[in-house]
Amino acid sequence: MTRDQKTVVIDELTQKFKDSSFFYITDSSELNVEQINKFRGLCFEKDIEMRVVKNTLVKKALEAAGGEEAGYGDLYQALAGPTSLMFTSVANTPAKVIKEFRKSFDKPVLKAAYIDASVYLGDDSVDVLAALKSKEELIGDVIMLLQSPAKNVISALKSSGSTIAGLVKTLQERGE
């Protein structure tokens, strides 16, 4: 790879890191061509961009994107050995894809994940990351919580309304 090509890759990655609130650093080495193509297919289906990149280029791009000040400092220790980057717009999707894929294979292994300025290190974080709720799921939960008291009030009014109507009807019948 020439110096110009490296510069282009660093610039592309720098912009990706700046634009992305969620990305994963994984090790997908030791997967054969068929397995890696299957994994890439799963990523593509879930709208995840996967790239295999040299650690030095990733480190330079992270530094150019803000480095320590942007909260990337803890990620540097994950940049050892073979590295694949996964960029996504939904925080938990790559973790779910990794868990699904590892039902059949041993890799990829999660080295680190960057989720909204929080850094998760190590493969044991996959379960935690997969359990994270997406923005849409959280909004749905809030709406359900807000609707619940209103539904209870409406239900109580409806049931008490029929009770009051029954009382009025009974009183009217007695009065006749």
N, C-alpha and C. Protein backbone atom coordinates (compact mmCIF):
# COMPACT_ATOMS: atom_id res chain seq x y z
N MET A 1 0.85 -1.17 0.00
CA MET A 1 0.00 0.00 0.00
C MET A 1 0.90 1.24 0.00
N THR A 2 0.66 2.14 -0.92
CA THR A 2 1.48 3.34 -1.02
C THR A 2 1.09 4.35 0.05
N ARG A 3 1.93 5.34 0.23
CA ARG A 3 1.68 6.38 1.21
C ARG A 3 0.37 7.11 0.90
N ASP A 4 0.12 7.38 -0.38
CA ASP A 4 -1.11 8.06 -0.78
C ASP A 4 -2.35 7.21 -0.47
N GLN A 5 -2.25 5.92 -0.72
CA GLN A 5 -3.36 5.02 -0.42
C GLN A 5 -3.64 4.97 1.09
N LYS A 6 -2.57 4.95 1.87
CA LYS A 6 -2.73 4.95 3.33
C LYS A 6 -3.39 6.23 3.79
N THR A 7 -2.99 7.36 3.20
CA THR A 7 -3.58 8.65 3.56
C THR A 7 -5.08 8.66 3.25
N VAL A 8 -5.45 8.10 2.12
CA VAL A 8 -6.87 8.03 1.74
C VAL A 8 -7.65 7.18 2.75
N VAL A 9 -7.10 6.02 3.12
CA VAL A 9 -7.76 5.14 4.08
C VAL A 9 -7.90 5.84 5.43
N ILE A 10 -6.85 6.50 5.88
CA ILE A 10 -6.89 7.21 7.16
C ILE A 10 -7.95 8.30 7.13
N ASP A 11 -8.01 9.05 6.04
CA ASP A 11 -9.01 10.12 5.91
C ASP A 11 -10.43 9.55 5.93
N GLU A 12 -10.65 8.44 5.21
CA GLU A 12 -11.97 7.80 5.19
C GLU A 12 -12.36 7.32 6.58
N LEU A 13 -11.42 6.66 7.26
CA LEU A 13 -11.70 6.15 8.61
C LEU A 13 -11.93 7.29 9.60
N THR A 14 -11.16 8.34 9.48
CA THR A 14 -11.33 9.49 10.37
C THR A 14 -12.75 10.04 10.25
N GLN A 15 -13.22 10.18 9.03
CA GLN A 15 -14.58 10.68 8.82
C GLN A 15 -15.61 9.69 9.37
N LYS A 16 -15.38 8.40 9.18
CA LYS A 16 -16.28 7.38 9.71
C LYS A 16 -16.36 7.46 11.23
N PHE A 17 -15.21 7.60 11.88
CA PHE A 17 -15.20 7.68 13.34
C PHE A 17 -15.92 8.94 13.82
N LYS A 18 -15.74 10.04 13.12
CA LYS A 18 -16.41 11.29 13.50
C LYS A 18 -17.92 11.19 13.32
N ASP A 19 -18.34 10.49 12.27
CA ASP A 19 -19.77 10.41 11.94
C ASP A 19 -20.51 9.31 12.69
N SER A 20 -19.78 8.35 13.23
CA SER A 20 -20.42 7.18 13.82
C SER A 20 -20.41 7.24 15.35
N SER A 21 -21.58 7.03 15.93
CA SER A 21 -21.67 6.95 17.39
C SER A 21 -21.45 5.53 17.88
N PHE A 22 -21.49 4.57 16.95
CA PHE A 22 -21.37 3.16 17.31
C PHE A 22 -20.43 2.45 16.34
N PHE A 23 -19.37 1.86 16.88
CA PHE A 23 -18.52 0.99 16.07
C PHE A 23 -17.87 -0.06 16.95
N TYR A 24 -17.55 -1.18 16.33
CA TYR A 24 -16.98 -2.32 17.02
C TYR A 24 -15.62 -2.63 16.42
N ILE A 25 -14.70 -3.09 17.26
CA ILE A 25 -13.40 -3.57 16.83
C ILE A 25 -13.37 -5.06 17.15
N THR A 26 -13.20 -5.88 16.11
CA THR A 26 -13.25 -7.33 16.29
C THR A 26 -12.04 -8.01 15.68
N ASP A 27 -11.92 -9.28 15.99
CA ASP A 27 -10.89 -10.14 15.39
C ASP A 27 -11.62 -11.25 14.66
N SER A 28 -11.58 -11.21 13.35
CA SER A 28 -12.24 -12.25 12.55
C SER A 28 -11.21 -13.11 11.83
N SER A 29 -9.96 -13.09 12.31
CA SER A 29 -8.93 -13.92 11.69
C SER A 29 -9.29 -15.38 11.93
N GLU A 30 -8.64 -16.25 11.23
CA GLU A 30 -8.83 -17.69 11.30
C GLU A 30 -10.14 -18.16 10.68
N LEU A 31 -10.99 -17.23 10.22
CA LEU A 31 -12.16 -17.65 9.46
C LEU A 31 -11.72 -17.87 8.02
N ASN A 32 -12.17 -18.95 7.42
CA ASN A 32 -11.80 -19.17 6.03
C ASN A 32 -12.64 -18.26 5.12
N VAL A 33 -12.37 -18.31 3.84
CA VAL A 33 -13.02 -17.40 2.89
C VAL A 33 -14.54 -17.58 2.90
N GLU A 34 -14.99 -18.82 2.93
CA GLU A 34 -16.43 -19.09 2.94
C GLU A 34 -17.09 -18.52 4.19
N GLN A 35 -16.44 -18.71 5.35
CA GLN A 35 -16.99 -18.23 6.61
C GLN A 35 -17.01 -16.70 6.66
N ILE A 36 -15.93 -16.07 6.22
CA ILE A 36 -15.88 -14.61 6.26
C ILE A 36 -16.90 -14.01 5.30
N ASN A 37 -17.11 -14.66 4.16
CA ASN A 37 -18.13 -14.18 3.22
C ASN A 37 -19.53 -14.32 3.81
N LYS A 38 -19.76 -15.40 4.54
CA LYS A 38 -21.05 -15.59 5.21
C LYS A 38 -21.25 -14.50 6.27
N PHE A 39 -20.19 -14.22 7.02
CA PHE A 39 -20.28 -13.19 8.06
C PHE A 39 -20.51 -11.81 7.43
N ARG A 40 -19.79 -11.52 6.37
CA ARG A 40 -20.00 -10.24 5.66
C ARG A 40 -21.43 -10.13 5.14
N GLY A 41 -21.98 -11.25 4.67
CA GLY A 41 -23.37 -11.26 4.21
C GLY A 41 -24.34 -10.92 5.32
N LEU A 42 -24.12 -11.50 6.50
CA LEU A 42 -24.96 -11.17 7.67
C LEU A 42 -24.85 -9.69 8.01
N CYS A 43 -23.63 -9.18 7.97
CA CYS A 43 -23.42 -7.76 8.25
C CYS A 43 -24.17 -6.89 7.23
N PHE A 44 -24.06 -7.26 5.97
CA PHE A 44 -24.72 -6.49 4.91
C PHE A 44 -26.23 -6.48 5.10
N GLU A 45 -26.81 -7.64 5.46
CA GLU A 45 -28.26 -7.75 5.69
C GLU A 45 -28.71 -6.82 6.82
N LYS A 46 -27.86 -6.63 7.82
CA LYS A 46 -28.21 -5.83 8.99
C LYS A 46 -27.71 -4.39 8.90
N ASP A 47 -27.27 -4.00 7.71
CA ASP A 47 -26.80 -2.63 7.45
C ASP A 47 -25.58 -2.26 8.31
N ILE A 48 -24.65 -3.20 8.38
CA ILE A 48 -23.40 -3.01 9.10
C ILE A 48 -22.28 -2.98 8.07
N GLU A 49 -21.44 -1.96 8.14
CA GLU A 49 -20.27 -1.90 7.26
C GLU A 49 -19.09 -2.54 7.98
N MET A 50 -18.52 -3.56 7.35
CA MET A 50 -17.37 -4.25 7.95
C MET A 50 -16.15 -4.00 7.09
N ARG A 51 -15.04 -3.64 7.75
CA ARG A 51 -13.78 -3.38 7.05
C ARG A 51 -12.64 -4.02 7.82
N VAL A 52 -11.72 -4.65 7.09
CA VAL A 52 -10.49 -5.17 7.69
C VAL A 52 -9.42 -4.12 7.43
N VAL A 53 -8.79 -3.64 8.51
CA VAL A 53 -7.85 -2.53 8.40
C VAL A 53 -6.65 -2.78 9.30
N LYS A 54 -5.51 -2.25 8.90
CA LYS A 54 -4.30 -2.37 9.72
C LYS A 54 -4.45 -1.49 10.97
N ASN A 55 -3.92 -2.01 12.08
CA ASN A 55 -4.04 -1.32 13.36
C ASN A 55 -3.41 0.08 13.34
N THR A 56 -2.29 0.22 12.66
CA THR A 56 -1.63 1.54 12.64
C THR A 56 -2.52 2.57 11.94
N LEU A 57 -3.22 2.15 10.89
CA LEU A 57 -4.12 3.08 10.20
C LEU A 57 -5.33 3.44 11.06
N VAL A 58 -5.84 2.44 11.79
CA VAL A 58 -6.97 2.70 12.70
C VAL A 58 -6.55 3.68 13.79
N LYS A 59 -5.37 3.45 14.35
CA LYS A 59 -4.89 4.32 15.43
C LYS A 59 -4.71 5.75 14.93
N LYS A 60 -4.12 5.92 13.76
CA LYS A 60 -3.93 7.26 13.20
C LYS A 60 -5.28 7.93 12.92
N ALA A 61 -6.24 7.16 12.43
CA ALA A 61 -7.56 7.72 12.16
C ALA A 61 -8.27 8.11 13.46
N LEU A 62 -8.15 7.29 14.50
CA LEU A 62 -8.75 7.62 15.79
C LEU A 62 -8.13 8.90 16.36
N GLU A 63 -6.82 9.02 16.24
CA GLU A 63 -6.14 10.22 16.72
C GLU A 63 -6.60 11.45 15.93
N ALA A 64 -6.75 11.30 14.63
CA ALA A 64 -7.19 12.41 13.79
C ALA A 64 -8.65 12.78 14.08
N ALA A 65 -9.44 11.81 14.54
CA ALA A 65 -10.86 12.04 14.83
C ALA A 65 -11.07 12.64 16.22
N GLY A 66 -10.03 12.80 16.99
CA GLY A 66 -10.17 13.41 18.31
C GLY A 66 -9.40 12.70 19.39
N GLY A 67 -8.98 11.49 19.15
CA GLY A 67 -8.13 10.75 20.09
C GLY A 67 -8.69 10.68 21.49
N GLU A 68 -7.82 10.96 22.44
CA GLU A 68 -8.18 10.91 23.87
C GLU A 68 -9.34 11.84 24.19
N GLU A 69 -9.35 13.01 23.61
CA GLU A 69 -10.40 14.00 23.91
C GLU A 69 -11.78 13.51 23.47
N ALA A 70 -11.84 12.71 22.43
CA ALA A 70 -13.11 12.19 21.93
C ALA A 70 -13.51 10.90 22.65
N GLY A 71 -12.68 10.43 23.58
CA GLY A 71 -12.99 9.22 24.34
C GLY A 71 -12.48 7.94 23.71
N TYR A 72 -11.58 8.05 22.74
CA TYR A 72 -11.07 6.87 22.05
C TYR A 72 -9.85 6.26 22.73
N GLY A 73 -9.34 6.88 23.78
CA GLY A 73 -8.09 6.45 24.41
C GLY A 73 -8.06 4.99 24.81
N ASP A 74 -9.14 4.48 25.39
CA ASP A 74 -9.18 3.09 25.84
C ASP A 74 -9.21 2.09 24.69
N LEU A 75 -9.57 2.56 23.50
CA LEU A 75 -9.65 1.66 22.34
C LEU A 75 -8.28 1.24 21.83
N TYR A 76 -7.26 2.05 22.10
CA TYR A 76 -5.92 1.77 21.56
C TYR A 76 -5.40 0.41 22.00
N GLN A 77 -5.74 -0.01 23.22
CA GLN A 77 -5.25 -1.30 23.71
C GLN A 77 -5.88 -2.48 22.95
N ALA A 78 -7.00 -2.25 22.28
CA ALA A 78 -7.64 -3.31 21.49
C ALA A 78 -7.02 -3.46 20.11
N LEU A 79 -6.14 -2.53 19.75
CA LEU A 79 -5.54 -2.54 18.42
C LEU A 79 -4.26 -3.38 18.40
N ALA A 80 -4.43 -4.65 18.63
CA ALA A 80 -3.32 -5.61 18.56
C ALA A 80 -3.84 -6.83 17.82
N GLY A 81 -3.03 -7.38 16.96
CA GLY A 81 -3.45 -8.53 16.17
C GLY A 81 -4.39 -8.12 15.05
N PRO A 82 -4.95 -9.10 14.35
CA PRO A 82 -5.85 -8.80 13.22
C PRO A 82 -7.08 -8.01 13.68
N THR A 83 -7.46 -7.02 12.90
CA THR A 83 -8.56 -6.14 13.30
C THR A 83 -9.57 -5.96 12.17
N SER A 84 -10.84 -6.10 12.53
CA SER A 84 -11.95 -5.77 11.65
C SER A 84 -12.78 -4.70 12.35
N LEU A 85 -13.22 -3.73 11.58
CA LEU A 85 -14.08 -2.68 12.12
C LEU A 85 -15.50 -2.91 11.64
N MET A 86 -16.46 -2.65 12.52
CA MET A 86 -17.87 -2.76 12.16
C MET A 86 -18.54 -1.44 12.51
N PHE A 87 -19.06 -0.76 11.49
CA PHE A 87 -19.76 0.51 11.68
C PHE A 87 -21.26 0.27 11.52
N THR A 88 -22.05 0.87 12.40
CA THR A 88 -23.49 0.65 12.38
C THR A 88 -24.24 1.90 12.85
N SER A 89 -25.53 1.93 12.58
CA SER A 89 -26.35 3.03 13.06
C SER A 89 -27.21 2.60 14.25
N VAL A 90 -27.20 1.31 14.57
CA VAL A 90 -27.94 0.79 15.72
C VAL A 90 -26.93 0.09 16.64
N ALA A 91 -26.85 0.53 17.87
CA ALA A 91 -25.78 0.11 18.78
C ALA A 91 -25.68 -1.39 19.01
N ASN A 92 -26.79 -2.09 19.12
CA ASN A 92 -26.72 -3.50 19.51
C ASN A 92 -26.67 -4.48 18.33
N THR A 93 -26.88 -4.01 17.12
CA THR A 93 -26.96 -4.92 15.97
C THR A 93 -25.68 -5.72 15.74
N PRO A 94 -24.48 -5.13 15.75
CA PRO A 94 -23.28 -5.95 15.56
C PRO A 94 -23.11 -7.04 16.63
N ALA A 95 -23.44 -6.73 17.86
CA ALA A 95 -23.32 -7.73 18.93
C ALA A 95 -24.28 -8.89 18.68
N LYS A 96 -25.48 -8.58 18.21
CA LYS A 96 -26.45 -9.64 17.90
C LYS A 96 -25.96 -10.49 16.73
N VAL A 97 -25.37 -9.85 15.72
CA VAL A 97 -24.84 -10.58 14.57
C VAL A 97 -23.68 -11.48 15.01
N ILE A 98 -22.80 -10.96 15.85
CA ILE A 98 -21.68 -11.75 16.35
C ILE A 98 -22.19 -12.97 17.12
N LYS A 99 -23.16 -12.75 18.02
CA LYS A 99 -23.71 -13.87 18.80
C LYS A 99 -24.34 -14.91 17.89
N GLU A 100 -25.10 -14.47 16.90
CA GLU A 100 -25.75 -15.39 15.97
C GLU A 100 -24.71 -16.20 15.19
N PHE A 101 -23.68 -15.50 14.70
CA PHE A 101 -22.66 -16.17 13.89
C PHE A 101 -21.86 -17.16 14.72
N ARG A 102 -21.63 -16.83 15.98
CA ARG A 102 -20.82 -17.70 16.83
C ARG A 102 -21.57 -18.93 17.32
N LYS A 103 -22.82 -19.08 16.94
CA LYS A 103 -23.50 -20.34 17.22
C LYS A 103 -22.89 -21.45 16.37
N SER A 104 -22.31 -21.05 15.22
CA SER A 104 -21.70 -22.02 14.31
C SER A 104 -20.18 -21.97 14.27
N PHE A 105 -19.59 -20.82 14.62
CA PHE A 105 -18.14 -20.62 14.50
C PHE A 105 -17.59 -19.97 15.77
N ASP A 106 -16.27 -20.06 15.96
CA ASP A 106 -15.63 -19.49 17.16
C ASP A 106 -15.37 -17.99 17.05
N LYS A 107 -15.30 -17.49 15.84
CA LYS A 107 -14.97 -16.08 15.62
C LYS A 107 -16.15 -15.41 14.95
N PRO A 108 -16.24 -14.13 14.93
CA PRO A 108 -15.30 -13.13 15.38
C PRO A 108 -15.35 -12.93 16.90
N VAL A 109 -14.25 -12.42 17.40
CA VAL A 109 -14.13 -12.11 18.82
C VAL A 109 -14.17 -10.60 18.97
N LEU A 110 -14.97 -10.13 19.91
CA LEU A 110 -15.05 -8.70 20.16
C LEU A 110 -13.83 -8.24 20.95
N LYS A 111 -13.13 -7.27 20.40
CA LYS A 111 -11.99 -6.68 21.11
C LYS A 111 -12.46 -5.46 21.89
N ALA A 112 -13.30 -4.62 21.24
CA ALA A 112 -13.79 -3.41 21.89
C ALA A 112 -14.99 -2.89 21.10
N ALA A 113 -15.78 -2.06 21.77
CA ALA A 113 -16.90 -1.40 21.11
C ALA A 113 -17.00 0.02 21.65
N TYR A 114 -17.36 0.93 20.77
CA TYR A 114 -17.55 2.34 21.14
C TYR A 114 -19.03 2.64 20.93
N ILE A 115 -19.74 2.90 22.03
CA ILE A 115 -21.17 3.15 21.99
C ILE A 115 -21.44 4.48 22.69
N ASP A 116 -21.77 5.50 21.91
CA ASP A 116 -22.10 6.82 22.46
C ASP A 116 -21.12 7.28 23.54
N ALA A 117 -19.86 7.30 23.23
CA ALA A 117 -18.79 7.77 24.11
C ALA A 117 -18.46 6.79 25.24
N SER A 118 -19.08 5.62 25.27
CA SER A 118 -18.74 4.59 26.24
C SER A 118 -17.93 3.51 25.52
N VAL A 119 -16.90 3.02 26.18
CA VAL A 119 -16.05 1.99 25.59
C VAL A 119 -16.26 0.69 26.34
N TYR A 120 -16.51 -0.36 25.59
CA TYR A 120 -16.66 -1.71 26.13
C TYR A 120 -15.48 -2.53 25.63
N LEU A 121 -14.72 -3.10 26.56
CA LEU A 121 -13.53 -3.86 26.20
C LEU A 121 -13.74 -5.34 26.46
N GLY A 122 -13.28 -6.16 25.56
CA GLY A 122 -13.27 -7.60 25.76
C GLY A 122 -14.50 -8.29 25.21
N ASP A 123 -14.30 -9.58 24.93
CA ASP A 123 -15.35 -10.40 24.33
C ASP A 123 -16.50 -10.67 25.29
N ASP A 124 -16.27 -10.56 26.59
CA ASP A 124 -17.35 -10.80 27.54
C ASP A 124 -18.42 -9.70 27.49
N SER A 125 -18.17 -8.62 26.76
CA SER A 125 -19.14 -7.53 26.63
C SER A 125 -20.19 -7.79 25.56
N VAL A 126 -20.04 -8.86 24.79
CA VAL A 126 -20.98 -9.14 23.69
C VAL A 126 -22.41 -9.27 24.21
N ASP A 127 -22.60 -10.01 25.30
CA ASP A 127 -23.95 -10.21 25.85
C ASP A 127 -24.55 -8.89 26.33
N VAL A 128 -23.74 -8.08 26.98
CA VAL A 128 -24.21 -6.78 27.47
C VAL A 128 -24.62 -5.90 26.29
N LEU A 129 -23.78 -5.88 25.26
CA LEU A 129 -24.06 -5.05 24.09
C LEU A 129 -25.29 -5.55 23.33
N ALA A 130 -25.46 -6.85 23.24
CA ALA A 130 -26.62 -7.40 22.54
C ALA A 130 -27.92 -7.08 23.27
N ALA A 131 -27.83 -6.92 24.59
CA ALA A 131 -29.02 -6.61 25.39
C ALA A 131 -29.38 -5.13 25.39
N LEU A 132 -28.47 -4.29 24.89
CA LEU A 132 -28.79 -2.86 24.83
C LEU A 132 -30.02 -2.63 23.97
N LYS A 133 -30.83 -1.68 24.36
CA LYS A 133 -32.02 -1.36 23.57
C LYS A 133 -31.68 -0.27 22.58
N SER A 134 -32.27 -0.38 21.41
CA SER A 134 -32.07 0.65 20.39
C SER A 134 -32.88 1.89 20.75
N LYS A 135 -32.61 2.97 20.09
CA LYS A 135 -33.32 4.22 20.33
C LYS A 135 -34.82 4.03 20.12
N GLU A 136 -35.19 3.31 19.07
CA GLU A 136 -36.60 3.07 18.77
C GLU A 136 -37.26 2.25 19.87
N GLU A 137 -36.55 1.24 20.39
CA GLU A 137 -37.10 0.42 21.47
C GLU A 137 -37.30 1.25 22.73
N LEU A 138 -36.35 2.11 23.04
CA LEU A 138 -36.49 2.97 24.22
C LEU A 138 -37.65 3.94 24.08
N ILE A 139 -37.81 4.52 22.91
CA ILE A 139 -38.94 5.44 22.68
C ILE A 139 -40.26 4.68 22.83
N GLY A 140 -40.31 3.46 22.30
CA GLY A 140 -41.51 2.64 22.44
C GLY A 140 -41.83 2.35 23.90
N ASP A 141 -40.79 2.05 24.70
CA ASP A 141 -41.00 1.81 26.14
C ASP A 141 -41.54 3.05 26.84
N VAL A 142 -41.00 4.22 26.51
CA VAL A 142 -41.46 5.46 27.14
C VAL A 142 -42.92 5.73 26.76
N ILE A 143 -43.25 5.52 25.50
CA ILE A 143 -44.64 5.74 25.06
C ILE A 143 -45.58 4.80 25.79
N MET A 144 -45.18 3.53 25.93
CA MET A 144 -46.02 2.57 26.66
C MET A 144 -46.21 3.00 28.11
N LEU A 145 -45.14 3.49 28.73
CA LEU A 145 -45.24 3.95 30.12
C LEU A 145 -46.16 5.15 30.23
N LEU A 146 -46.10 6.05 29.27
CA LEU A 146 -46.96 7.23 29.29
C LEU A 146 -48.41 6.87 29.00
N GLN A 147 -48.64 5.88 28.16
CA GLN A 147 -50.00 5.49 27.80
C GLN A 147 -50.69 4.71 28.92
N SER A 148 -49.93 3.98 29.70
CA SER A 148 -50.50 3.11 30.71
C SER A 148 -51.40 3.85 31.70
N PRO A 149 -50.98 4.95 32.33
CA PRO A 149 -51.87 5.66 33.26
C PRO A 149 -53.12 6.21 32.55
N ALA A 150 -52.96 6.69 31.34
CA ALA A 150 -54.10 7.23 30.61
C ALA A 150 -55.11 6.12 30.32
N LYS A 151 -54.63 4.94 29.95
CA LYS A 151 -55.53 3.82 29.69
C LYS A 151 -56.28 3.42 30.96
N ASN A 152 -55.59 3.44 32.10
CA ASN A 152 -56.24 3.09 33.36
C ASN A 152 -57.35 4.08 33.71
N VAL A 153 -57.08 5.36 33.52
CA VAL A 153 -58.08 6.40 33.82
C VAL A 153 -59.28 6.24 32.91
N ILE A 154 -59.04 6.05 31.62
CA ILE A 154 -60.14 5.89 30.66
C ILE A 154 -60.95 4.65 30.98
N SER A 155 -60.28 3.57 31.31
CA SER A 155 -60.96 2.33 31.67
C SER A 155 -61.82 2.53 32.92
N ALA A 156 -61.28 3.21 33.91
CA ALA A 156 -62.04 3.46 35.14
C ALA A 156 -63.25 4.35 34.87
N LEU A 157 -63.08 5.35 34.03
CA LEU A 157 -64.20 6.23 33.69
C LEU A 157 -65.29 5.47 32.94
N LYS A 158 -64.86 4.61 32.03
CA LYS A 158 -65.84 3.83 31.27
C LYS A 158 -66.62 2.90 32.18
N SER A 159 -65.92 2.20 33.07
CA SER A 159 -66.62 1.27 33.96
C SER A 159 -67.49 2.01 34.96
N SER A 160 -66.99 3.11 35.46
CA SER A 160 -67.81 3.87 36.42
C SER A 160 -68.95 4.56 35.70
N GLY A 161 -68.76 4.91 34.46
CA GLY A 161 -69.83 5.52 33.67
C GLY A 161 -70.99 4.57 33.51
N SER A 162 -70.72 3.29 33.26
CA SER A 162 -71.80 2.32 33.12
C SER A 162 -72.46 2.07 34.48
N THR A 163 -71.71 2.14 35.55
CA THR A 163 -72.27 1.97 36.89
C THR A 163 -73.20 3.14 37.22
N ILE A 164 -72.77 4.33 36.92
CA ILE A 164 -73.60 5.52 37.18
C ILE A 164 -74.86 5.48 36.33
N ALA A 165 -74.70 5.07 35.07
CA ALA A 165 -75.87 4.98 34.19
C ALA A 165 -76.84 3.94 34.73
N GLY A 166 -76.34 2.83 35.25
CA GLY A 166 -77.19 1.79 35.84
C GLY A 166 -77.92 2.31 37.06
N LEU A 167 -77.23 3.06 37.92
CA LEU A 167 -77.86 3.65 39.11
C LEU A 167 -78.96 4.62 38.71
N VAL A 168 -78.68 5.48 37.74
CA VAL A 168 -79.67 6.47 37.29
C VAL A 168 -80.90 5.74 36.75
N LYS A 169 -80.66 4.69 35.97
CA LYS A 169 -81.77 3.95 35.37
C LYS A 169 -82.61 3.29 36.46
N THR A 170 -81.95 2.71 37.47
CA THR A 170 -82.65 2.07 38.57
C THR A 170 -83.46 3.08 39.36
N LEU A 171 -82.88 4.24 39.63
CA LEU A 171 -83.60 5.29 40.36
C LEU A 171 -84.81 5.78 39.57
N GLN A 172 -84.64 5.89 38.26
CA GLN A 172 -85.75 6.32 37.41
C GLN A 172 -86.89 5.30 37.43
N GLU A 173 -86.52 4.02 37.37
CA GLU A 173 -87.54 2.97 37.40
C GLU A 173 -88.28 2.94 38.72
N ARG A 174 -87.60 3.21 39.82
CA ARG A 174 -88.23 3.23 41.15
C ARG A 174 -89.18 4.42 41.26
N GLY A 175 -88.76 5.53 40.63
CA GLY A 175 -89.55 6.76 40.73
C GLY A 175 -90.85 6.64 39.96
N GLU A 176 -90.99 5.76 39.01
CA GLU A 176 -92.19 5.66 38.20
C GLU A 176 -93.26 4.99 38.90
